[in-house]
Amino acid sequence: MNDMKSTLSKQQRKDDTRRKILLGSFLIAQMEHRPEDFGWVKQELEKFLDTHTKANIVAQNKVLLAEFLR
């Protein structure tokens, strides 16, 4: 029974990761092809990044996503 739960949990995590990758890829493509429609994403992304509790992580994430915050 525990093996089944573990397998299901692993698959759920894999599916969640795949969804995030697909949605992120879609958003990046849209931002590149239609930047005029996505100014709001930059503002919301910065707000989202600022919600992390550790300032060093916020800074690292902003460096990583700098091209999308310009």
C-alpha atoms as a PDB file:
ATOM      1  CA  MET A   1       0.000   0.000   0.000  1.00  0.00           C
ATOM      2  CA  ASN A   2       2.811   2.422   0.869  1.00  0.00           C
ATOM      3  CA  ASP A   3       4.542   1.606  -2.417  1.00  0.00           C
ATOM      4  CA  MET A   4       1.385   2.562  -4.307  1.00  0.00           C
ATOM      5  CA  LYS A   5       1.111   5.859  -2.423  1.00  0.00           C
ATOM      6  CA  SER A   6       4.771   6.580  -3.043  1.00  0.00           C
ATOM      7  CA  THR A   7       4.454   5.818  -6.750  1.00  0.00           C
ATOM      8  CA  LEU A   8       1.355   8.013  -7.031  1.00  0.00           C
ATOM      9  CA  SER A   9       3.054  10.827  -5.153  1.00  0.00           C
ATOM     10  CA  LYS A  10       6.125  10.618  -7.407  1.00  0.00           C
ATOM     11  CA  GLN A  11       3.929  10.732 -10.508  1.00  0.00           C
ATOM     12  CA  GLN A  12       2.002  13.709  -9.137  1.00  0.00           C
ATOM     13  CA  ARG A  13       5.262  15.588  -8.558  1.00  0.00           C
ATOM     14  CA  LYS A  14       6.472  14.711 -12.055  1.00  0.00           C
ATOM     15  CA  ASP A  15       3.171  15.895 -13.540  1.00  0.00           C
ATOM     16  CA  ASP A  16       3.310  19.113 -11.530  1.00  0.00           C
ATOM     17  CA  THR A  17       6.864  19.796 -12.687  1.00  0.00           C
ATOM     18  CA  ARG A  18       5.901  19.112 -16.302  1.00  0.00           C
ATOM     19  CA  ARG A  19       2.931  21.507 -16.040  1.00  0.00           C
ATOM     20  CA  LYS A  20       5.187  24.240 -14.669  1.00  0.00           C
ATOM     21  CA  ILE A  21       7.726  23.720 -17.448  1.00  0.00           C
ATOM     22  CA  LEU A  22       5.062  23.785 -20.146  1.00  0.00           C
ATOM     23  CA  LEU A  23       3.328  26.860 -18.751  1.00  0.00           C
ATOM     24  CA  GLY A  24       6.642  28.633 -18.256  1.00  0.00           C
ATOM     25  CA  SER A  25       7.752  27.812 -21.780  1.00  0.00           C
ATOM     26  CA  PHE A  26       4.478  29.086 -23.180  1.00  0.00           C
ATOM     27  CA  LEU A  27       4.697  32.314 -21.198  1.00  0.00           C
ATOM     28  CA  ILE A  28       8.307  32.921 -22.242  1.00  0.00           C
ATOM     29  CA  ALA A  29       7.432  32.376 -25.902  1.00  0.00           C
ATOM     30  CA  GLN A  30       4.485  34.741 -25.664  1.00  0.00           C
ATOM     31  CA  MET A  31       6.577  37.400 -23.932  1.00  0.00           C
ATOM     32  CA  GLU A  32       9.200  37.146 -26.670  1.00  0.00           C
ATOM     33  CA  HIS A  33       6.726  37.287 -29.568  1.00  0.00           C
ATOM     34  CA  ARG A  34       4.272  39.807 -28.132  1.00  0.00           C
ATOM     35  CA  PRO A  35       6.143  41.859 -25.508  1.00  0.00           C
ATOM     36  CA  GLU A  36       3.653  44.741 -25.767  1.00  0.00           C
ATOM     37  CA  ASP A  37       0.937  42.497 -24.318  1.00  0.00           C
ATOM     38  CA  PHE A  38       2.927  41.375 -21.298  1.00  0.00           C
ATOM     39  CA  GLY A  39       3.998  44.499 -19.414  1.00  0.00           C
ATOM     40  CA  TRP A  40       1.742  43.436 -16.580  1.00  0.00           C
ATOM     41  CA  VAL A  41       3.640  40.141 -16.237  1.00  0.00           C
ATOM     42  CA  LYS A  42       6.856  41.990 -15.424  1.00  0.00           C
ATOM     43  CA  GLN A  43       5.164  43.913 -12.624  1.00  0.00           C
ATOM     44  CA  GLU A  44       3.457  40.845 -11.204  1.00  0.00           C
ATOM     45  CA  LEU A  45       6.603  38.746 -11.520  1.00  0.00           C
ATOM     46  CA  GLU A  46       8.606  41.250  -9.512  1.00  0.00           C
ATOM     47  CA  LYS A  47       5.918  41.323  -6.815  1.00  0.00           C
ATOM     48  CA  PHE A  48       5.863  37.529  -6.760  1.00  0.00           C
ATOM     49  CA  LEU A  49       9.639  37.289  -6.423  1.00  0.00           C
ATOM     50  CA  ASP A  50       9.572  39.783  -3.553  1.00  0.00           C
ATOM     51  CA  THR A  51       7.305  37.488  -1.526  1.00  0.00           C
ATOM     52  CA  HIS A  52      10.150  35.110  -0.672  1.00  0.00           C
ATOM     53  CA  THR A  53      11.247  35.465   2.941  1.00  0.00           C
ATOM     54  CA  LYS A  54      14.999  35.371   2.303  1.00  0.00           C
ATOM     55  CA  ALA A  55      16.527  38.443   0.673  1.00  0.00           C
ATOM     56  CA  ASN A  56      19.423  36.494  -0.836  1.00  0.00           C
ATOM     57  CA  ILE A  57      16.997  34.136  -2.598  1.00  0.00           C
ATOM     58  CA  VAL A  58      15.011  37.132  -3.894  1.00  0.00           C
ATOM     59  CA  ALA A  59      18.205  38.628  -5.293  1.00  0.00           C
ATOM     60  CA  GLN A  60      19.268  35.337  -6.914  1.00  0.00           C
ATOM     61  CA  ASN A  61      15.853  34.853  -8.488  1.00  0.00           C
ATOM     62  CA  LYS A  62      15.840  38.410  -9.851  1.00  0.00           C
ATOM     63  CA  VAL A  63      19.270  37.877 -11.411  1.00  0.00           C
ATOM     64  CA  LEU A  64      18.058  34.620 -12.948  1.00  0.00           C
ATOM     65  CA  LEU A  65      14.959  36.311 -14.403  1.00  0.00           C
ATOM     66  CA  ALA A  66      16.529  39.703 -15.162  1.00  0.00           C
ATOM     67  CA  GLU A  67      15.815  39.524 -18.888  1.00  0.00           C
ATOM     68  CA  PHE A  68      12.081  39.206 -18.124  1.00  0.00           C
ATOM     69  CA  LEU A  69      12.082  42.055 -15.616  1.00  0.00           C
ATOM     70  CA  ARG A  70      13.434  44.652 -18.067  1.00  0.00           C
END
